[in-house]
Amino acid sequence: MSREEKVEWLINQSAQPGKLRREIRSHLHPDPSMQEIYEEFSENTVSNFFIPYGIAPNFLINDEMITVPLAIEESSVVAAASHAARFWSAHGGFHARVIDTLKIGQVHFSWTGSAKKLQALFDKEKKHLLEKLDPLTERMRQRGGGISEMELVDRTGMLDTCYQLHVSFHTADAMGANFINSVLEELAQTWKAVVDNATGKTGEGELTIIMAILSNYTPESRVEVYVETAVNNLQSLAKEMPAATFAEKFVRAVEIARNDTYRAVTHNKGIFNGMDAVVIATGNDFRAVEACGHAYAARDGMYRGLSEATLRDGLFRFTLEVPLAVGTVGGLTSNHPLARQSMGIMNNPDAHKLMKIIAAAGLANNFSAIRSLVTSGIQQGHMKMHLANILRQLGAGKKEREQALLHFKDKTVSHHAVKEFLETLKK
């Protein structure tokens, strides 16, 4: 069906066909050529789903001032990032480094023969296997990437007859998913042909390819970012408590997230508030980033907070080390018009620099959230930002919204309180 036919099919099943038609049409791009681009990103597209695209200025990262684009609908995330960025820009900024960018792919297969003979065959044919992949890896190798290692892994202790080819990649400025998967599928067929040729006449065992796929768990592809300042410099954030008390409470809050899974999940969600918003704004895959980050948080068998905070000799330090696999070329990053503009806003970073920016956004949001938690509480600032949404939900007019914003400037915001205020205005 064409898009219009899909829309009509959908509307015919709706309890409010007129309203649904208006909403679907109002969210289409006014330029048909642009709408065509968006429709090519996915299947059965009938309209577009808008979320706010904001900016957080004043991110000083490795002595470079960067404005960071954030695509997110949650109230206060952009404000939190901006507030933290402004504070740390006056206290040394964010210090970031990429530890590595190694990515992993696997060919999973069953083998019914001798593990020792299979390993001997792999060792003998490894060079040949890599050479057969040269046509697929040539362009990536020219850009500084390619296959860095390949090994045969025996998983029969975990699952009967289970083996894998475990392949490590560097993918330069690309996220590299399509490249890795193409290489793995070719490797799978080549490996099967090699084994079948070596064992077909003797009947020593049978190899069956199960699947060939990249892994979104990239614990070696990590970035570290930290902020650091003298404890006394935190006084402006400490409300009515001494800076030293604020720093101690902050560190203890982070320690709790490192040791309590219930707290750790919400703690890390706050980190990904900032990270995901940049990932989405740049056309990268936030689902892959989240899945990897959460797996990494549980790497020792317990799910823990991803950030750490320390106090030593009057110095406060707050650090985030997180796995991250993103790209700045190819895919949606190159094809989505606003994703391309996001890159321009950030001075066209390469993949390494983008990793640092994303991690800094995560640490900034984590910092602002913990700062609120150990001082005034999270709801005061969050609900102030959420006030506009409540007013719209309750159907407040322009004049009522202006009066409400003034009224709640120094008062606690809640749905009930806003509703009561509007009812008072009407009376």
Foldseek 3Di string as FASTA:
>chain_A
DPLVVLLVVVLVPDPCSVVSVVVQVVQADPDVVLSVLVPVQDPSDNGDDAFDKDWAFQQQEPNDTAIAIFGDRAFPLSVLLNVLSNLQSVVPGKYKFWQDQKWKKKWKKFKDFDPVVLQVLCVVCVVVLQVVLCVLCVVQVVLVKGWDDWDKADPCVPPNRIIMIMTMIDRWQALCFVSQQVSQVVSNVVSQVSVCVVCVVPVRIHMDTDGIGIALQDVSRKMKMKGKHFLQSCQVLAPPDHSVVLLVLLQVLQVCQQPPVVSVVVLQVLLLSQLVRRCVQQQHDSVSQVVNQQCVCCVVPGRGHQKHWDADPRMTMIMGMGHDRHHCDDDCNVSPVRSVVSCVSRVNDGNRVSSSVSNSRSSSSSVSQSSCCVHVRNQQSSLLSCVVVLCVVVPHDPVLSVVLNVVCVPPGDDSVVSVVSVVVVVD
